All heavy atoms as atom14 arrays in JSON, in Angstrom:
{
  "sequence": "CNAIKQDTETRLFKIQDEIKAVALREKLMSDPLVDITIPRLNTKRGT",
  "atom14_mask": [
    [1, 1, 1, 1, 1, 1, 0, 0, 0, 0, 0, 0, 0, 0],
    [1, 1, 1, 1, 1, 1, 1, 1, 0, 0, 0, 0, 0, 0],
    [1, 1, 1, 1, 1, 0, 0, 0, 0, 0, 0, 0, 0, 0],
    [1, 1, 1, 1, 1, 1, 1, 1, 0, 0, 0, 0, 0, 0],
    [1, 1, 1, 1, 1, 1, 1, 1, 1, 0, 0, 0, 0, 0],
    [1, 1, 1, 1, 1, 1, 1, 1, 1, 0, 0, 0, 0, 0],
    [1, 1, 1, 1, 1, 1, 1, 1, 0, 0, 0, 0, 0, 0],
    [1, 1, 1, 1, 1, 1, 1, 0, 0, 0, 0, 0, 0, 0],
    [1, 1, 1, 1, 1, 1, 1, 1, 1, 0, 0, 0, 0, 0],
    [1, 1, 1, 1, 1, 1, 1, 0, 0, 0, 0, 0, 0, 0],
    [1, 1, 1, 1, 1, 1, 1, 1, 1, 1, 1, 0, 0, 0],
    [1, 1, 1, 1, 1, 1, 1, 1, 0, 0, 0, 0, 0, 0],
    [1, 1, 1, 1, 1, 1, 1, 1, 1, 1, 1, 0, 0, 0],
    [1, 1, 1, 1, 1, 1, 1, 1, 1, 0, 0, 0, 0, 0],
    [1, 1, 1, 1, 1, 1, 1, 1, 0, 0, 0, 0, 0, 0],
    [1, 1, 1, 1, 1, 1, 1, 1, 1, 0, 0, 0, 0, 0],
    [1, 1, 1, 1, 1, 1, 1, 1, 0, 0, 0, 0, 0, 0],
    [1, 1, 1, 1, 1, 1, 1, 1, 1, 0, 0, 0, 0, 0],
    [1, 1, 1, 1, 1, 1, 1, 1, 0, 0, 0, 0, 0, 0],
    [1, 1, 1, 1, 1, 1, 1, 1, 1, 0, 0, 0, 0, 0],
    [1, 1, 1, 1, 1, 0, 0, 0, 0, 0, 0, 0, 0, 0],
    [1, 1, 1, 1, 1, 1, 1, 0, 0, 0, 0, 0, 0, 0],
    [1, 1, 1, 1, 1, 0, 0, 0, 0, 0, 0, 0, 0, 0],
    [1, 1, 1, 1, 1, 1, 1, 1, 0, 0, 0, 0, 0, 0],
    [1, 1, 1, 1, 1, 1, 1, 1, 1, 1, 1, 0, 0, 0],
    [1, 1, 1, 1, 1, 1, 1, 1, 1, 0, 0, 0, 0, 0],
    [1, 1, 1, 1, 1, 1, 1, 1, 1, 0, 0, 0, 0, 0],
    [1, 1, 1, 1, 1, 1, 1, 1, 0, 0, 0, 0, 0, 0],
    [1, 1, 1, 1, 1, 1, 1, 1, 0, 0, 0, 0, 0, 0],
    [1, 1, 1, 1, 1, 1, 0, 0, 0, 0, 0, 0, 0, 0],
    [1, 1, 1, 1, 1, 1, 1, 1, 0, 0, 0, 0, 0, 0],
    [1, 1, 1, 1, 1, 1, 1, 0, 0, 0, 0, 0, 0, 0],
    [1, 1, 1, 1, 1, 1, 1, 1, 0, 0, 0, 0, 0, 0],
    [1, 1, 1, 1, 1, 1, 1, 0, 0, 0, 0, 0, 0, 0],
    [1, 1, 1, 1, 1, 1, 1, 1, 0, 0, 0, 0, 0, 0],
    [1, 1, 1, 1, 1, 1, 1, 1, 0, 0, 0, 0, 0, 0],
    [1, 1, 1, 1, 1, 1, 1, 0, 0, 0, 0, 0, 0, 0],
    [1, 1, 1, 1, 1, 1, 1, 1, 0, 0, 0, 0, 0, 0],
    [1, 1, 1, 1, 1, 1, 1, 0, 0, 0, 0, 0, 0, 0],
    [1, 1, 1, 1, 1, 1, 1, 1, 1, 1, 1, 0, 0, 0],
    [1, 1, 1, 1, 1, 1, 1, 1, 0, 0, 0, 0, 0, 0],
    [1, 1, 1, 1, 1, 1, 1, 1, 0, 0, 0, 0, 0, 0],
    [1, 1, 1, 1, 1, 1, 1, 0, 0, 0, 0, 0, 0, 0],
    [1, 1, 1, 1, 1, 1, 1, 1, 1, 0, 0, 0, 0, 0],
    [1, 1, 1, 1, 1, 1, 1, 1, 1, 1, 1, 0, 0, 0],
    [1, 1, 1, 1, 0, 0, 0, 0, 0, 0, 0, 0, 0, 0],
    [1, 1, 1, 1, 1, 1, 1, 0, 0, 0, 0, 0, 0, 0]
  ],
  "atom14_positions": [
    [[25.54, -8.95, 10.15], [24.25, -9.46, 10.63], [23.2, -8.36, 10.64], [22.04, -8.57, 10.23], [24.4, -10.07, 12.02], [25.32, -11.62, 12.06], [0.0, 0.0, 0.0], [0.0, 0.0, 0.0], [0.0, 0.0, 0.0], [0.0, 0.0, 0.0], [0.0, 0.0, 0.0], [0.0, 0.0, 0.0], [0.0, 0.0, 0.0], [0.0, 0.0, 0.0]],
    [[23.57, -7.19, 11.12], [22.63, -6.06, 11.14], [22.21, -5.68, 9.72], [21.04, -5.35, 9.47], [23.27, -4.86, 11.84], [23.1, -4.91, 13.34], [22.04, -5.23, 13.83], [24.16, -4.61, 14.07], [0.0, 0.0, 0.0], [0.0, 0.0, 0.0], [0.0, 0.0, 0.0], [0.0, 0.0, 0.0], [0.0, 0.0, 0.0], [0.0, 0.0, 0.0]],
    [[23.16, -5.71, 8.79], [22.85, -5.36, 7.41], [21.86, -6.36, 6.8], [20.92, -5.97, 6.09], [24.12, -5.3, 6.58], [0.0, 0.0, 0.0], [0.0, 0.0, 0.0], [0.0, 0.0, 0.0], [0.0, 0.0, 0.0], [0.0, 0.0, 0.0], [0.0, 0.0, 0.0], [0.0, 0.0, 0.0], [0.0, 0.0, 0.0], [0.0, 0.0, 0.0]],
    [[22.07, -7.64, 7.09], [21.15, -8.67, 6.59], [19.76, -8.47, 7.17], [18.74, -8.55, 6.46], [21.68, -10.08, 6.95], [22.97, -10.38, 6.18], [20.63, -11.15, 6.65], [23.64, -11.66, 6.59], [0.0, 0.0, 0.0], [0.0, 0.0, 0.0], [0.0, 0.0, 0.0], [0.0, 0.0, 0.0], [0.0, 0.0, 0.0], [0.0, 0.0, 0.0]],
    [[19.7, -8.18, 8.47], [18.4, -7.98, 9.12], [17.66, -6.79, 8.52], [16.47, -6.88, 8.19], [18.6, -7.77, 10.62], [17.3, -7.58, 11.38], [17.56, -7.39, 12.87], [16.26, -7.18, 13.63], [16.49, -6.99, 15.08], [0.0, 0.0, 0.0], [0.0, 0.0, 0.0], [0.0, 0.0, 0.0], [0.0, 0.0, 0.0], [0.0, 0.0, 0.0]],
    [[18.36, -5.66, 8.37], [17.71, -4.47, 7.84], [17.26, -4.67, 6.39], [16.17, -4.26, 6.0], [18.66, -3.28, 7.95], [18.92, -2.84, 9.38], [19.89, -1.68, 9.47], [20.35, -1.17, 8.47], [20.22, -1.27, 10.68], [0.0, 0.0, 0.0], [0.0, 0.0, 0.0], [0.0, 0.0, 0.0], [0.0, 0.0, 0.0], [0.0, 0.0, 0.0]],
    [[18.12, -5.32, 5.58], [17.75, -5.57, 4.19], [16.55, -6.5, 4.09], [15.63, -6.27, 3.28], [18.94, -6.19, 3.46], [18.62, -6.53, 2.01], [18.41, -5.59, 1.22], [18.55, -7.73, 1.67], [0.0, 0.0, 0.0], [0.0, 0.0, 0.0], [0.0, 0.0, 0.0], [0.0, 0.0, 0.0], [0.0, 0.0, 0.0], [0.0, 0.0, 0.0]],
    [[16.52, -7.53, 4.94], [15.4, -8.48, 4.92], [14.11, -7.8, 5.35], [13.04, -8.02, 4.75], [15.71, -9.68, 5.84], [16.94, -10.28, 5.44], [14.6, -10.71, 5.77], [0.0, 0.0, 0.0], [0.0, 0.0, 0.0], [0.0, 0.0, 0.0], [0.0, 0.0, 0.0], [0.0, 0.0, 0.0], [0.0, 0.0, 0.0], [0.0, 0.0, 0.0]],
    [[14.18, -6.98, 6.4], [12.98, -6.25, 6.85], [12.46, -5.34, 5.74], [11.25, -5.28, 5.5], [13.32, -5.42, 8.09], [13.5, -6.25, 9.35], [13.88, -5.4, 10.54], [14.39, -4.27, 10.32], [13.68, -5.84, 11.69], [0.0, 0.0, 0.0], [0.0, 0.0, 0.0], [0.0, 0.0, 0.0], [0.0, 0.0, 0.0], [0.0, 0.0, 0.0]],
    [[13.36, -4.63, 5.07], [12.96, -3.72, 4.0], [12.25, -4.47, 2.88], [11.19, -4.05, 2.38], [14.19, -2.98, 3.43], [14.8, -2.22, 4.48], [13.78, -2.03, 2.31], [0.0, 0.0, 0.0], [0.0, 0.0, 0.0], [0.0, 0.0, 0.0], [0.0, 0.0, 0.0], [0.0, 0.0, 0.0], [0.0, 0.0, 0.0], [0.0, 0.0, 0.0]],
    [[12.83, -5.6, 2.49], [12.23, -6.4, 1.41], [10.87, -6.95, 1.82], [9.91, -6.93, 1.03], [13.18, -7.53, 1.03], [14.47, -7.06, 0.4], [15.51, -8.17, 0.3], [15.08, -9.23, -0.6], [15.74, -10.37, -0.76], [16.87, -10.58, -0.08], [15.32, -11.3, -1.61], [0.0, 0.0, 0.0], [0.0, 0.0, 0.0], [0.0, 0.0, 0.0]],
    [[10.78, -7.44, 3.06], [9.52, -8.03, 3.52], [8.43, -6.97, 3.64], [7.28, -7.2, 3.23], [9.73, -8.73, 4.86], [8.49, -9.46, 5.42], [8.08, -10.58, 4.49], [8.77, -10.01, 6.81], [0.0, 0.0, 0.0], [0.0, 0.0, 0.0], [0.0, 0.0, 0.0], [0.0, 0.0, 0.0], [0.0, 0.0, 0.0], [0.0, 0.0, 0.0]],
    [[8.78, -5.81, 4.19], [7.78, -4.75, 4.34], [7.29, -4.25, 2.97], [6.12, -3.9, 2.81], [8.37, -3.58, 5.13], [8.64, -3.91, 6.57], [9.58, -3.19, 7.32], [7.97, -4.95, 7.21], [9.83, -3.5, 8.64], [8.22, -5.26, 8.53], [9.15, -4.54, 9.25], [0.0, 0.0, 0.0], [0.0, 0.0, 0.0], [0.0, 0.0, 0.0]],
    [[8.18, -4.21, 1.99], [7.78, -3.8, 0.64], [6.78, -4.79, 0.05], [5.76, -4.39, -0.54], [9.01, -3.7, -0.25], [8.69, -3.21, -1.66], [9.96, -3.1, -2.5], [9.62, -2.62, -3.91], [10.85, -2.51, -4.75], [0.0, 0.0, 0.0], [0.0, 0.0, 0.0], [0.0, 0.0, 0.0], [0.0, 0.0, 0.0], [0.0, 0.0, 0.0]],
    [[7.07, -6.08, 0.23], [6.14, -7.1, -0.27], [4.81, -7.02, 0.46], [3.74, -7.12, -0.15], [6.77, -8.51, -0.08], [7.98, -8.67, -1.01], [5.74, -9.6, -0.35], [8.76, -9.94, -0.78], [0.0, 0.0, 0.0], [0.0, 0.0, 0.0], [0.0, 0.0, 0.0], [0.0, 0.0, 0.0], [0.0, 0.0, 0.0], [0.0, 0.0, 0.0]],
    [[4.87, -6.8, 1.78], [3.64, -6.69, 2.56], [2.79, -5.51, 2.09], [1.57, -5.61, 1.98], [3.97, -6.56, 4.04], [2.74, -6.58, 4.94], [3.11, -6.49, 6.41], [4.11, -5.85, 6.77], [2.34, -7.14, 7.26], [0.0, 0.0, 0.0], [0.0, 0.0, 0.0], [0.0, 0.0, 0.0], [0.0, 0.0, 0.0], [0.0, 0.0, 0.0]],
    [[3.44, -4.38, 1.82], [2.71, -3.21, 1.31], [2.05, -3.52, -0.02], [0.91, -3.09, -0.28], [3.67, -2.02, 1.17], [4.1, -1.44, 2.5], [3.4, -1.72, 3.5], [5.11, -0.72, 2.55], [0.0, 0.0, 0.0], [0.0, 0.0, 0.0], [0.0, 0.0, 0.0], [0.0, 0.0, 0.0], [0.0, 0.0, 0.0], [0.0, 0.0, 0.0]],
    [[2.76, -4.24, -0.88], [2.19, -4.59, -2.18], [0.99, -5.52, -2.04], [-0.01, -5.37, -2.75], [3.27, -5.26, -3.04], [4.39, -4.31, -3.45], [5.55, -5.03, -4.12], [5.53, -6.28, -4.16], [6.46, -4.34, -4.63], [0.0, 0.0, 0.0], [0.0, 0.0, 0.0], [0.0, 0.0, 0.0], [0.0, 0.0, 0.0], [0.0, 0.0, 0.0]],
    [[1.09, -6.48, -1.12], [-0.03, -7.39, -0.87], [-1.26, -6.62, -0.38], [-2.39, -6.84, -0.84], [0.37, -8.47, 0.16], [1.43, -9.4, -0.44], [-0.85, -9.26, 0.63], [2.04, -10.36, 0.56], [0.0, 0.0, 0.0], [0.0, 0.0, 0.0], [0.0, 0.0, 0.0], [0.0, 0.0, 0.0], [0.0, 0.0, 0.0], [0.0, 0.0, 0.0]],
    [[-1.03, -5.68, 0.55], [-2.14, -4.88, 1.08], [-2.73, -3.99, 0.0], [-3.96, -3.8, -0.07], [-1.65, -4.03, 2.25], [-1.33, -4.83, 3.51], [-0.88, -3.92, 4.64], [-0.6, -4.7, 5.91], [-0.14, -3.84, 7.02], [0.0, 0.0, 0.0], [0.0, 0.0, 0.0], [0.0, 0.0, 0.0], [0.0, 0.0, 0.0], [0.0, 0.0, 0.0]],
    [[-1.89, -3.42, -0.85], [-2.38, -2.54, -1.91], [-3.24, -3.31, -2.9], [-4.29, -2.82, -3.34], [-1.19, -1.9, -2.63], [0.0, 0.0, 0.0], [0.0, 0.0, 0.0], [0.0, 0.0, 0.0], [0.0, 0.0, 0.0], [0.0, 0.0, 0.0], [0.0, 0.0, 0.0], [0.0, 0.0, 0.0], [0.0, 0.0, 0.0], [0.0, 0.0, 0.0]],
    [[-2.82, -4.51, -3.24], [-3.61, -5.34, -4.17], [-4.95, -5.7, -3.55], [-6.01, -5.63, -4.21], [-2.83, -6.61, -4.55], [-3.73, -7.59, -5.31], [-1.62, -6.26, -5.39], [0.0, 0.0, 0.0], [0.0, 0.0, 0.0], [0.0, 0.0, 0.0], [0.0, 0.0, 0.0], [0.0, 0.0, 0.0], [0.0, 0.0, 0.0], [0.0, 0.0, 0.0]],
    [[-4.92, -6.09, -2.26], [-6.17, -6.47, -1.58], [-7.13, -5.29, -1.5], [-8.35, -5.43, -1.72], [-5.85, -6.99, -0.18], [0.0, 0.0, 0.0], [0.0, 0.0, 0.0], [0.0, 0.0, 0.0], [0.0, 0.0, 0.0], [0.0, 0.0, 0.0], [0.0, 0.0, 0.0], [0.0, 0.0, 0.0], [0.0, 0.0, 0.0], [0.0, 0.0, 0.0]],
    [[-6.6, -4.1, -1.2], [-7.44, -2.92, -1.12], [-8.02, -2.56, -2.47], [-9.21, -2.21, -2.59], [-6.62, -1.74, -0.56], [-7.36, -0.39, -0.46], [-8.56, -0.51, 0.46], [-6.42, 0.7, 0.04], [0.0, 0.0, 0.0], [0.0, 0.0, 0.0], [0.0, 0.0, 0.0], [0.0, 0.0, 0.0], [0.0, 0.0, 0.0], [0.0, 0.0, 0.0]],
    [[-7.21, -2.64, -3.5], [-7.68, -2.31, -4.85], [-8.81, -3.26, -5.27], [-9.82, -2.84, -5.83], [-6.53, -2.39, -5.84], [-6.93, -1.98, -7.26], [-5.74, -2.02, -8.19], [-6.12, -1.64, -9.54], [-6.2, -0.39, -9.97], [-5.91, 0.61, -9.15], [-6.56, -0.13, -11.23], [0.0, 0.0, 0.0], [0.0, 0.0, 0.0], [0.0, 0.0, 0.0]],
    [[-8.62, -4.56, -4.99], [-9.65, -5.53, -5.35], [-10.96, -5.25, -4.6], [-12.05, -5.39, -5.16], [-9.15, -6.94, -5.06], [-8.02, -7.38, -5.99], [-7.48, -8.74, -5.62], [-7.84, -9.25, -4.53], [-6.68, -9.3, -6.4], [0.0, 0.0, 0.0], [0.0, 0.0, 0.0], [0.0, 0.0, 0.0], [0.0, 0.0, 0.0], [0.0, 0.0, 0.0]],
    [[-10.81, -4.85, -3.34], [-12.01, -4.54, -2.55], [-12.74, -3.33, -3.1], [-13.98, -3.32, -3.23], [-11.61, -4.3, -1.09], [-12.77, -3.96, -0.18], [-12.3, -3.74, 1.24], [-13.46, -3.37, 2.15], [-13.02, -3.12, 3.55], [0.0, 0.0, 0.0], [0.0, 0.0, 0.0], [0.0, 0.0, 0.0], [0.0, 0.0, 0.0], [0.0, 0.0, 0.0]],
    [[-11.97, -2.3, -3.45], [-12.58, -1.08, -3.96], [-13.19, -1.3, -5.36], [-14.24, -0.74, -5.69], [-11.54, 0.04, -4.01], [-11.02, 0.54, -2.65], [-9.93, 1.58, -2.85], [-12.15, 1.12, -1.81], [0.0, 0.0, 0.0], [0.0, 0.0, 0.0], [0.0, 0.0, 0.0], [0.0, 0.0, 0.0], [0.0, 0.0, 0.0], [0.0, 0.0, 0.0]],
    [[-12.49, -2.09, -6.17], [-12.98, -2.35, -7.52], [-14.32, -3.08, -7.5], [-15.13, -2.95, -8.43], [-11.94, -3.17, -8.29], [-10.69, -2.4, -8.67], [-10.97, -1.17, -9.96], [-11.12, -2.26, -11.38], [0.0, 0.0, 0.0], [0.0, 0.0, 0.0], [0.0, 0.0, 0.0], [0.0, 0.0, 0.0], [0.0, 0.0, 0.0], [0.0, 0.0, 0.0]],
    [[-14.54, -3.86, -6.45], [-15.78, -4.63, -6.36], [-16.94, -3.82, -5.79], [-18.07, -4.29, -5.75], [-15.55, -5.88, -5.5], [-15.25, -5.51, -4.16], [0.0, 0.0, 0.0], [0.0, 0.0, 0.0], [0.0, 0.0, 0.0], [0.0, 0.0, 0.0], [0.0, 0.0, 0.0], [0.0, 0.0, 0.0], [0.0, 0.0, 0.0], [0.0, 0.0, 0.0]],
    [[-16.65, -2.59, -5.3], [-17.68, -1.74, -4.72], [-18.2, -0.79, -5.79], [-17.48, 0.1, -6.25], [-17.1, -0.95, -3.55], [-18.17, -0.2, -2.75], [-19.27, 0.03, -3.3], [-17.89, 0.14, -1.59], [0.0, 0.0, 0.0], [0.0, 0.0, 0.0], [0.0, 0.0, 0.0], [0.0, 0.0, 0.0], [0.0, 0.0, 0.0], [0.0, 0.0, 0.0]],
    [[-19.46, -0.91, -6.2], [-19.99, -0.06, -7.27], [-20.11, 1.41, -6.89], [-20.26, 2.27, -7.76], [-21.38, -0.67, -7.54], [-21.74, -1.34, -6.25], [-20.46, -1.86, -5.7], [0.0, 0.0, 0.0], [0.0, 0.0, 0.0], [0.0, 0.0, 0.0], [0.0, 0.0, 0.0], [0.0, 0.0, 0.0], [0.0, 0.0, 0.0], [0.0, 0.0, 0.0]],
    [[-20.04, 1.71, -5.59], [-20.19, 3.1, -5.15], [-18.85, 3.83, -5.06], [-18.8, 5.01, -4.7], [-20.88, 3.13, -3.78], [-22.29, 2.52, -3.73], [-22.83, 2.6, -2.31], [-23.22, 3.22, -4.7], [0.0, 0.0, 0.0], [0.0, 0.0, 0.0], [0.0, 0.0, 0.0], [0.0, 0.0, 0.0], [0.0, 0.0, 0.0], [0.0, 0.0, 0.0]],
    [[-17.76, 3.13, -5.36], [-16.45, 3.73, -5.22], [-15.81, 3.9, -6.61], [-15.76, 2.96, -7.4], [-15.53, 2.86, -4.34], [-14.12, 3.44, -4.31], [-16.09, 2.76, -2.94], [0.0, 0.0, 0.0], [0.0, 0.0, 0.0], [0.0, 0.0, 0.0], [0.0, 0.0, 0.0], [0.0, 0.0, 0.0], [0.0, 0.0, 0.0], [0.0, 0.0, 0.0]],
    [[-15.33, 5.12, -6.88], [-14.59, 5.4, -8.11], [-13.14, 5.69, -7.73], [-12.82, 6.78, -7.26], [-15.2, 6.6, -8.84], [-14.52, 6.88, -10.17], [-13.51, 6.21, -10.47], [-14.98, 7.77, -10.9], [0.0, 0.0, 0.0], [0.0, 0.0, 0.0], [0.0, 0.0, 0.0], [0.0, 0.0, 0.0], [0.0, 0.0, 0.0], [0.0, 0.0, 0.0]],
    [[-12.28, 4.7, -7.94], [-10.89, 4.85, -7.5], [-10.09, 5.77, -8.41], [-8.93, 6.07, -8.12], [-10.2, 3.48, -7.42], [-10.1, 2.84, -8.8], [-10.89, 2.57, -6.42], [-9.26, 1.58, -8.81], [0.0, 0.0, 0.0], [0.0, 0.0, 0.0], [0.0, 0.0, 0.0], [0.0, 0.0, 0.0], [0.0, 0.0, 0.0], [0.0, 0.0, 0.0]],
    [[-10.68, 6.26, -9.49], [-9.95, 7.17, -10.38], [-10.06, 8.62, -9.94], [-9.37, 9.5, -10.47], [-10.49, 7.06, -11.81], [-11.86, 7.52, -11.86], [-10.43, 5.63, -12.31], [0.0, 0.0, 0.0], [0.0, 0.0, 0.0], [0.0, 0.0, 0.0], [0.0, 0.0, 0.0], [0.0, 0.0, 0.0], [0.0, 0.0, 0.0], [0.0, 0.0, 0.0]],
    [[-10.94, 8.91, -8.94], [-11.08, 10.28, -8.46], [-9.9, 10.65, -7.58], [-9.59, 9.93, -6.62], [-12.4, 10.44, -7.66], [-13.6, 10.15, -8.55], [-12.49, 11.85, -7.06], [-14.92, 10.2, -7.79], [0.0, 0.0, 0.0], [0.0, 0.0, 0.0], [0.0, 0.0, 0.0], [0.0, 0.0, 0.0], [0.0, 0.0, 0.0], [0.0, 0.0, 0.0]],
    [[-9.18, 11.74, -7.87], [-8.04, 12.15, -7.03], [-8.47, 12.47, -5.61], [-9.57, 13.0, -5.37], [-7.51, 13.41, -7.73], [-8.07, 13.34, -9.11], [-9.39, 12.64, -9.01], [0.0, 0.0, 0.0], [0.0, 0.0, 0.0], [0.0, 0.0, 0.0], [0.0, 0.0, 0.0], [0.0, 0.0, 0.0], [0.0, 0.0, 0.0], [0.0, 0.0, 0.0]],
    [[-7.62, 12.14, -4.65], [-7.91, 12.49, -3.26], [-7.75, 13.98, -3.05], [-6.88, 14.62, -3.65], [-6.97, 11.73, -2.33], [-7.25, 10.24, -2.26], [-6.29, 9.55, -1.32], [-4.93, 9.59, -1.81], [-3.87, 9.12, -1.16], [-4.04, 8.58, 0.04], [-2.66, 9.19, -1.68], [0.0, 0.0, 0.0], [0.0, 0.0, 0.0], [0.0, 0.0, 0.0]],
    [[-8.58, 14.53, -2.17], [-8.55, 15.97, -1.89], [-7.88, 16.24, -0.55], [-8.01, 15.47, 0.4], [-9.98, 16.52, -1.89], [-10.79, 16.3, -3.17], [-12.21, 16.82, -2.98], [-10.12, 17.0, -4.35], [0.0, 0.0, 0.0], [0.0, 0.0, 0.0], [0.0, 0.0, 0.0], [0.0, 0.0, 0.0], [0.0, 0.0, 0.0], [0.0, 0.0, 0.0]],
    [[-7.17, 17.37, -0.48], [-6.56, 17.84, 0.78], [-5.7, 16.76, 1.44], [-5.75, 16.55, 2.66], [-7.65, 18.31, 1.75], [-8.48, 19.44, 1.2], [-7.96, 20.32, 0.52], [-9.78, 19.41, 1.45], [0.0, 0.0, 0.0], [0.0, 0.0, 0.0], [0.0, 0.0, 0.0], [0.0, 0.0, 0.0], [0.0, 0.0, 0.0], [0.0, 0.0, 0.0]],
    [[-4.94, 16.06, 0.63], [-4.09, 14.99, 1.16], [-2.82, 15.59, 1.78], [-2.11, 16.36, 1.15], [-3.69, 14.02, 0.05], [-4.88, 13.46, -0.5], [-2.82, 12.9, 0.6], [0.0, 0.0, 0.0], [0.0, 0.0, 0.0], [0.0, 0.0, 0.0], [0.0, 0.0, 0.0], [0.0, 0.0, 0.0], [0.0, 0.0, 0.0], [0.0, 0.0, 0.0]],
    [[-2.56, 15.22, 3.01], [-1.36, 15.67, 3.7], [-0.37, 14.52, 3.79], [-0.74, 13.4, 4.13], [-1.69, 16.19, 5.1], [-2.49, 17.47, 5.12], [-2.67, 17.96, 6.55], [-3.43, 19.28, 6.59], [-3.6, 19.77, 7.98], [0.0, 0.0, 0.0], [0.0, 0.0, 0.0], [0.0, 0.0, 0.0], [0.0, 0.0, 0.0], [0.0, 0.0, 0.0]],
    [[0.87, 14.79, 3.48], [1.9, 13.77, 3.57], [2.43, 13.69, 5.0], [2.65, 14.71, 5.65], [3.03, 14.07, 2.61], [2.62, 14.06, 1.15], [3.82, 14.2, 0.25], [4.72, 13.05, 0.4], [5.87, 12.94, -0.24], [6.28, 13.9, -1.06], [6.63, 11.88, -0.06], [0.0, 0.0, 0.0], [0.0, 0.0, 0.0], [0.0, 0.0, 0.0]],
    [[2.62, 12.49, 5.46], [3.15, 12.32, 6.8], [4.66, 12.52, 6.82], [5.3, 12.71, 5.78], [0.0, 0.0, 0.0], [0.0, 0.0, 0.0], [0.0, 0.0, 0.0], [0.0, 0.0, 0.0], [0.0, 0.0, 0.0], [0.0, 0.0, 0.0], [0.0, 0.0, 0.0], [0.0, 0.0, 0.0], [0.0, 0.0, 0.0], [0.0, 0.0, 0.0]],
    [[5.23, 12.49, 8.0], [6.68, 12.66, 8.15], [7.16, 11.84, 9.34], [6.38, 11.52, 10.24], [7.03, 14.14, 8.37], [8.45, 14.28, 8.48], [6.4, 14.68, 9.64], [0.0, 0.0, 0.0], [0.0, 0.0, 0.0], [0.0, 0.0, 0.0], [0.0, 0.0, 0.0], [0.0, 0.0, 0.0], [0.0, 0.0, 0.0], [0.0, 0.0, 0.0]]
  ]
}
């Protein structure tokens, strides 16, 4: 049961991240003042 729960959460969270990424990309693509091809500067990875 625990394995099913963890696997389902992982799959759902992955899909949710993809949905959010698509929505954000569409929003940015529609903004003429934003160039999404510019690399981010001083990006720190979380832990």
